[in-house]
Each structure stands twice: as C-alpha cells, then as structure tokens.
Amino acid sequence: MAPRQGSPTSRLILSLIVIIILVLAGCIPAEVAPPLTPPSPTVELPGSSPTFPVTPTTKPTLLVQPTSQPTPTVTESAIPSSAMITTISGHEQTYELGCEASAAVDWAGYFGVLIYESSFQFELPLSDNPELGFVGNVTTDGWGQIPPDAYGVHAPPIAELLREYGLPAQAVRGMTLEDVKSELAEGDPIIAWVIGNMVYSDPVKYIDKQGNAVTVAPYEHVVILVGYDETTITYMNNGFFYSVPTDVFLTSWGVLGNMAVIHD
C-alpha cells in the first residue's frame, strides 16, 4: 500500500526543522550579510587637486657671506734703535769744490748707476744762486767762501741731474732725525748738506742777481749719511767713515735747514 502523502504545511515545517538542526550542527554555514557602510559624501573641489611634493623640501641654504673685516691699518713698524749700511763705498773728491758731485756719484753707484764724477760736475748748470746751479769755478782753491764767490751747489740741482740719470732723487728740506733714521733703516743712504766735517758756521742770507734770497754758509760741505745708533750718526766723507754724536750732527746739518737728497 503506498505511503500517505502529508499536507504541504506539514512538509514545510518538517523541512525547516531539518535545516535548523543542520545549522545548529554546523553542517551549513550561515550567511552573514556585510554591514551596510554609508557612502562618503563627495566634496567637489574647484579645479584639479593640488599636487604636493613627494620629496621633502631641503632647508634653504643661507648664503652668509662673511663680512669683510676691515684691513688692519699697516702702521709703520717702530724704527730700530740702530742701523748701518755697509755695502756703500766712496772715493776722494776730484775737485777742490766738487764735494757735491763726488757724493752724488757715490750715492748713485750704491743704487747701481755708474756716473763719472767729471761728467756729473760739468753737467751741472752754473748760477750765482746755489739753488739754481753751481756757484763759481769748481777748481778754485777757495773753500769756505760764499756767493757770489766760488761756493758750490745746493740740493735741487743735484737731485734734478740725478733724475736725468734715471734715479728717483728728491731734494728735501726740514727733515727730522726720525726721517733720517727711517730712510737709513730701509737701506737708503742720504746726501746731507752740513758744514765742514760736522762743525758749525753762521748762516748768511744772500740776494742773487735776480733778487732772490737764499741762505748760504761758509764751508758748506756734503757727506753721505749711512747709519745711526742711539747716540751717534755715521757718515761717509771722501770715502772714509766717521761717527759723531747726534746733537753734533744736528747742529751742523741745521745751518742750511736740514737739506738733503733722498731716494724717493
């Protein structure tokens, strides 16, 4: 006899019971619906999105230029307490009144310029004013006179003629003892106008033919200063060397106003 078919409702209930039993037993995985995520709101930005650099920005290089330190003023070093030029040599003057030319060529020789004394002497201009030229006849045996008699020549014509030979000679007056020491310490000998062999004579004001006044002195003479120390001045006269107390030198040199020719 065929089995009796149940009603649809009973079959549905039976099926549900079976499913529940299987789920509880772990035979059928339960489907879990994913959680609903609300959509993010869309923000409309005008234009394209800005691009940000990917690499980190480098720190700005500070171009710090060192402030230039003021160049220190080069102050003249202290004048040494003594100095001596030992490489100069001289000769005895050729003419009775030719001490200026004789000293000038020795001075030039020290700086490497060879000049014959007679050539230098007779290239000097002639004048009755020693500031302008040689006064008198150089061969006269009459040393100690003053213009208009045979006398000699002062610094300006000597320096001018030395410059014609290419030497930077400068005639000066009113030099100080410190000036002298500074020149000698630098190795530059000085042609100096003194009286005799560092003695004194009274200066005289002479008026030349053109009416110009000039200071002259009997026994005007020229030597080359070559050294000093704390108490003395050393000079060359006709190829020989002498040292005198500084005050003796200053007294003799001062008669004609501390006149000299220097290497400038």
Protein backbone atom coordinates (compact mmCIF):
# COMPACT_ATOMS: atom_id res chain seq x y z
CA MET A 1 0.00 0.00 0.00
CA ALA A 2 1.56 3.38 -0.95
CA PRO A 3 2.51 5.75 1.88
CA ARG A 4 0.24 8.57 2.57
CA GLN A 5 1.36 11.93 1.41
CA GLY A 6 1.37 14.72 4.14
CA SER A 7 -0.10 18.18 3.71
CA PRO A 8 2.12 20.93 2.28
CA THR A 9 2.17 22.80 5.54
CA SER A 10 3.48 19.84 7.43
CA ARG A 11 6.14 19.26 4.82
CA LEU A 12 7.33 22.90 5.09
CA ILE A 13 7.51 22.70 8.85
CA LEU A 14 9.46 19.49 8.62
CA SER A 15 11.92 20.99 6.17
CA LEU A 16 12.54 24.00 8.43
CA ILE A 17 13.15 21.71 11.39
CA VAL A 18 15.72 19.75 9.39
CA ILE A 19 17.52 22.92 8.28
CA ILE A 20 17.62 24.27 11.83
CA ILE A 21 19.06 21.00 13.08
CA LEU A 22 21.76 21.06 10.37
CA VAL A 23 22.69 24.67 11.06
CA LEU A 24 22.97 24.04 14.75
CA ALA A 25 25.14 21.04 13.98
CA GLY A 26 27.49 23.26 11.82
CA CYS A 27 26.80 21.44 8.60
CA ILE A 28 25.57 24.54 6.71
CA PRO A 29 27.40 27.88 7.20
CA ALA A 30 25.16 30.73 7.99
CA GLU A 31 25.35 33.59 5.52
CA VAL A 32 26.15 36.83 7.29
CA ALA A 33 25.24 39.94 5.39
CA PRO A 34 28.03 42.54 5.30
CA PRO A 35 27.36 45.64 7.31
CA LEU A 36 25.96 48.49 5.44
CA THR A 37 28.56 51.32 5.13
CA PRO A 38 27.06 54.67 4.41
CA PRO A 39 28.62 56.26 1.35
CA SER A 40 31.11 59.02 1.99
CA PRO A 41 29.94 62.41 0.93
CA THR A 42 31.57 63.65 -2.23
CA VAL A 43 33.29 67.02 -1.87
CA GLU A 44 33.60 68.88 -5.10
CA LEU A 45 36.88 70.89 -5.27
CA PRO A 46 37.23 73.54 -7.88
CA GLY A 47 39.74 72.56 -10.46
CA SER A 48 42.30 69.80 -10.13
CA SER A 49 43.59 68.65 -6.82
CA PRO A 50 46.80 70.38 -5.78
CA THR A 51 49.98 68.34 -6.15
CA PHE A 52 52.13 68.15 -3.08
CA PRO A 53 55.85 67.42 -3.36
CA VAL A 54 56.78 63.90 -2.55
CA THR A 55 60.37 64.62 -1.58
CA PRO A 56 60.92 66.66 1.50
CA THR A 57 61.92 70.22 0.81
CA THR A 58 65.57 70.98 1.52
CA LYS A 59 66.38 73.56 4.06
CA PRO A 60 67.23 76.89 2.48
CA THR A 61 70.95 77.44 2.12
CA LEU A 62 71.94 80.56 3.93
CA LEU A 63 74.39 82.36 1.75
CA VAL A 64 76.12 84.03 4.58
CA GLN A 65 78.98 85.95 3.06
CA PRO A 66 81.49 86.74 5.71
CA THR A 67 81.58 90.39 6.34
CA SER A 68 84.91 91.63 5.12
CA GLN A 69 86.92 92.54 8.11
CA PRO A 70 88.49 95.95 7.81
CA THR A 71 92.04 95.63 6.62
CA PRO A 72 94.16 96.45 9.59
CA THR A 73 95.99 99.67 9.12
CA VAL A 74 99.56 98.86 8.47
CA THR A 75 101.30 101.02 10.91
CA GLU A 76 104.89 101.73 10.31
CA SER A 77 106.99 99.45 12.39
CA ALA A 78 108.99 101.10 15.10
CA ILE A 79 112.25 102.49 13.87
CA PRO A 80 115.03 100.17 15.04
CA SER A 81 117.42 101.53 17.63
CA SER A 82 120.32 101.25 15.19
CA ALA A 83 121.02 100.64 11.52
CA MET A 84 124.09 100.63 9.30
CA ILE A 85 124.52 100.50 5.52
CA THR A 86 127.71 98.52 4.99
CA THR A 87 127.64 97.96 1.23
CA ILE A 88 128.33 101.54 0.16
CA SER A 89 131.76 102.74 -0.89
CA GLY A 90 133.19 106.11 -1.82
CA HIS A 91 136.20 107.94 -3.16
CA GLU A 92 138.09 111.15 -2.57
CA GLN A 93 136.62 114.07 -4.43
CA THR A 94 138.45 115.10 -7.58
CA TYR A 95 137.90 118.87 -7.42
CA GLU A 96 138.51 121.30 -4.56
CA LEU A 97 134.89 122.42 -4.53
CA GLY A 98 133.41 119.26 -6.02
CA CYS A 99 132.12 117.54 -2.87
CA GLU A 100 128.52 117.59 -4.15
CA ALA A 101 129.32 115.82 -7.42
CA SER A 102 131.65 113.38 -5.66
CA ALA A 103 128.97 112.39 -3.13
CA ALA A 104 126.29 112.24 -5.82
CA VAL A 105 128.16 109.69 -7.95
CA ASP A 106 128.97 107.54 -4.87
CA TRP A 107 125.29 107.64 -3.91
CA ALA A 108 124.26 106.72 -7.46
CA GLY A 109 126.77 103.86 -7.51
CA TYR A 110 125.16 102.39 -4.39
CA PHE A 111 121.91 102.14 -6.37
CA GLY A 112 123.66 100.55 -9.33
CA VAL A 113 124.06 103.59 -11.59
CA LEU A 114 127.61 104.36 -12.75
CA ILE A 115 128.36 108.05 -13.31
CA TYR A 116 131.76 109.65 -13.86
CA GLU A 117 132.38 112.46 -11.42
CA SER A 118 133.77 114.86 -14.03
CA SER A 119 130.79 114.23 -16.31
CA PHE A 120 128.35 114.91 -13.50
CA GLN A 121 130.21 118.01 -12.32
CA PHE A 122 130.28 119.75 -15.70
CA GLU A 123 126.69 118.83 -16.50
CA LEU A 124 125.51 120.95 -13.57
CA PRO A 125 124.13 124.34 -14.58
CA LEU A 126 126.03 127.44 -13.46
CA SER A 127 124.49 130.24 -11.43
CA ASP A 128 125.23 132.75 -8.71
CA ASN A 129 122.38 131.10 -6.75
CA PRO A 130 123.25 127.63 -5.39
CA GLU A 131 119.56 126.70 -5.52
CA LEU A 132 119.73 127.03 -9.29
CA GLY A 133 123.21 125.87 -10.21
CA PHE A 134 126.87 125.60 -9.28
CA VAL A 135 128.36 128.85 -7.96
CA GLY A 136 131.95 129.56 -9.00
CA ASN A 137 134.75 127.57 -10.56
CA VAL A 138 134.98 124.01 -9.20
CA THR A 139 138.77 124.03 -9.49
CA THR A 140 139.15 127.15 -7.36
CA ASP A 141 141.26 126.71 -4.25
CA GLY A 142 138.96 128.80 -2.16
CA TRP A 143 136.77 126.59 0.01
CA GLY A 144 134.91 128.49 2.69
CA GLN A 145 133.65 131.38 0.60
CA ILE A 146 130.04 132.35 -0.02
CA PRO A 147 128.31 133.57 -3.20
CA PRO A 148 128.93 135.34 -5.43
CA ASP A 149 132.42 133.89 -4.88
CA ALA A 150 133.17 130.23 -5.53
CA TYR A 151 130.87 128.26 -3.27
CA GLY A 152 129.30 125.06 -4.59
CA VAL A 153 125.70 123.94 -5.14
CA HIS A 154 122.65 123.02 -3.06
CA ALA A 155 120.34 120.02 -3.24
CA PRO A 156 117.82 120.92 -6.01
CA PRO A 157 120.28 120.96 -8.99
CA ILE A 158 121.95 117.76 -7.69
CA ALA A 159 118.62 115.91 -7.42
CA GLU A 160 117.47 117.13 -10.82
CA LEU A 161 120.63 115.89 -12.54
CA LEU A 162 120.43 112.54 -10.72
CA ARG A 163 116.88 112.14 -12.03
CA GLU A 164 118.22 112.65 -15.56
CA TYR A 165 120.34 109.58 -14.91
CA GLY A 166 117.22 107.62 -14.01
CA LEU A 167 117.44 107.80 -10.22
CA PRO A 168 114.39 108.74 -8.11
CA ALA A 169 116.26 111.50 -6.29
CA GLN A 170 114.35 114.09 -4.30
CA ALA A 171 115.69 117.31 -2.81
CA VAL A 172 114.22 117.97 0.63
CA ARG A 173 114.49 120.45 3.47
CA GLY A 174 113.34 120.33 7.05
CA MET A 175 113.94 116.60 7.53
CA THR A 176 113.75 115.35 11.09
CA LEU A 177 116.04 112.95 12.87
CA GLU A 178 113.24 110.37 12.70
CA ASP A 179 113.08 110.87 8.93
CA VAL A 180 116.81 110.22 8.70
CA LYS A 181 116.60 107.07 10.76
CA SER A 182 113.64 105.78 8.77
CA GLU A 183 115.49 106.22 5.47
CA LEU A 184 118.65 104.59 6.77
CA ALA A 185 116.74 101.72 8.36
CA GLU A 186 115.25 101.00 4.92
CA GLY A 187 118.74 100.84 3.44
CA ASP A 188 118.69 104.21 1.67
CA PRO A 189 121.74 106.42 2.24
CA ILE A 190 121.20 110.19 2.35
CA ILE A 191 123.21 113.00 0.79
CA ALA A 192 123.29 115.68 3.50
CA TRP A 193 124.44 119.33 3.43
CA VAL A 194 126.49 120.12 6.52
CA ILE A 195 129.31 122.47 7.49
CA GLY A 196 132.88 121.22 7.14
CA ASN A 197 133.50 117.93 8.89
CA MET A 198 130.39 118.32 11.11
CA VAL A 199 131.14 121.76 12.53
CA TYR A 200 129.15 124.97 12.70
CA SER A 201 129.19 128.26 10.84
CA ASP A 202 126.76 131.14 10.81
CA PRO A 203 124.20 131.09 8.00
CA VAL A 204 124.08 134.11 5.73
CA LYS A 205 121.23 135.46 3.63
CA TYR A 206 122.40 136.11 0.09
CA ILE A 207 120.47 138.01 -2.63
CA ASP A 208 121.23 136.75 -6.14
CA LYS A 209 121.33 138.85 -9.30
CA GLN A 210 117.61 138.27 -9.89
CA GLY A 211 116.76 139.46 -6.40
CA ASN A 212 116.05 136.01 -4.94
CA ALA A 213 117.06 135.44 -1.31
CA VAL A 214 118.88 132.24 -0.40
CA THR A 215 120.56 131.03 2.79
CA VAL A 216 124.22 130.10 2.38
CA ALA A 217 127.01 129.37 4.84
CA PRO A 218 130.83 129.35 4.82
CA TYR A 219 132.41 125.91 4.47
CA GLU A 220 129.28 124.34 3.05
CA HIS A 221 130.01 120.66 2.56
CA VAL A 222 128.27 117.43 1.51
CA VAL A 223 128.51 113.96 3.11
CA ILE A 224 126.55 110.72 2.83
CA LEU A 225 124.69 109.50 5.93
CA VAL A 226 124.94 105.72 6.26
CA GLY A 227 123.96 104.73 9.81
CA TYR A 228 122.95 105.58 13.34
CA ASP A 229 122.54 104.20 16.82
CA GLU A 230 121.01 105.59 19.98
CA THR A 231 123.64 108.30 20.40
CA THR A 232 125.54 108.76 17.13
CA ILE A 233 125.22 109.34 13.39
CA THR A 234 127.63 107.65 10.96
CA TYR A 235 128.50 109.25 7.64
CA MET A 236 130.88 108.80 4.72
CA ASN A 237 133.14 111.69 3.69
CA ASN A 238 135.52 111.28 0.74
CA GLY A 239 135.41 107.51 1.12
CA PHE A 240 136.05 107.44 4.89
CA PHE A 241 133.55 106.71 7.62
CA TYR A 242 133.01 108.76 10.76
CA SER A 243 130.64 108.71 13.71
CA VAL A 244 129.67 111.82 15.66
CA PRO A 245 127.23 112.47 18.49
CA THR A 246 123.74 113.00 17.16
CA ASP A 247 123.48 116.52 18.56
CA VAL A 248 126.74 117.49 16.81
CA PHE A 249 125.33 116.26 13.52
CA LEU A 250 122.02 118.06 14.04
CA THR A 251 123.77 121.34 14.81
CA SER A 252 125.90 121.21 11.66
CA TRP A 253 123.07 119.94 9.45
CA GLY A 254 120.68 122.58 10.75
CA VAL A 255 122.73 125.52 9.45
CA LEU A 256 121.35 125.08 5.91
CA GLY A 257 117.92 123.95 7.04
CA ASN A 258 118.34 120.16 7.22
CA MET A 259 118.85 119.96 3.47
CA ALA A 260 119.32 116.58 1.77
CA VAL A 261 118.81 114.43 -1.29
CA ILE A 262 116.95 111.18 -0.64
CA HIS A 263 115.98 108.14 -2.70
CA ASP A 264 112.25 108.63 -3.15
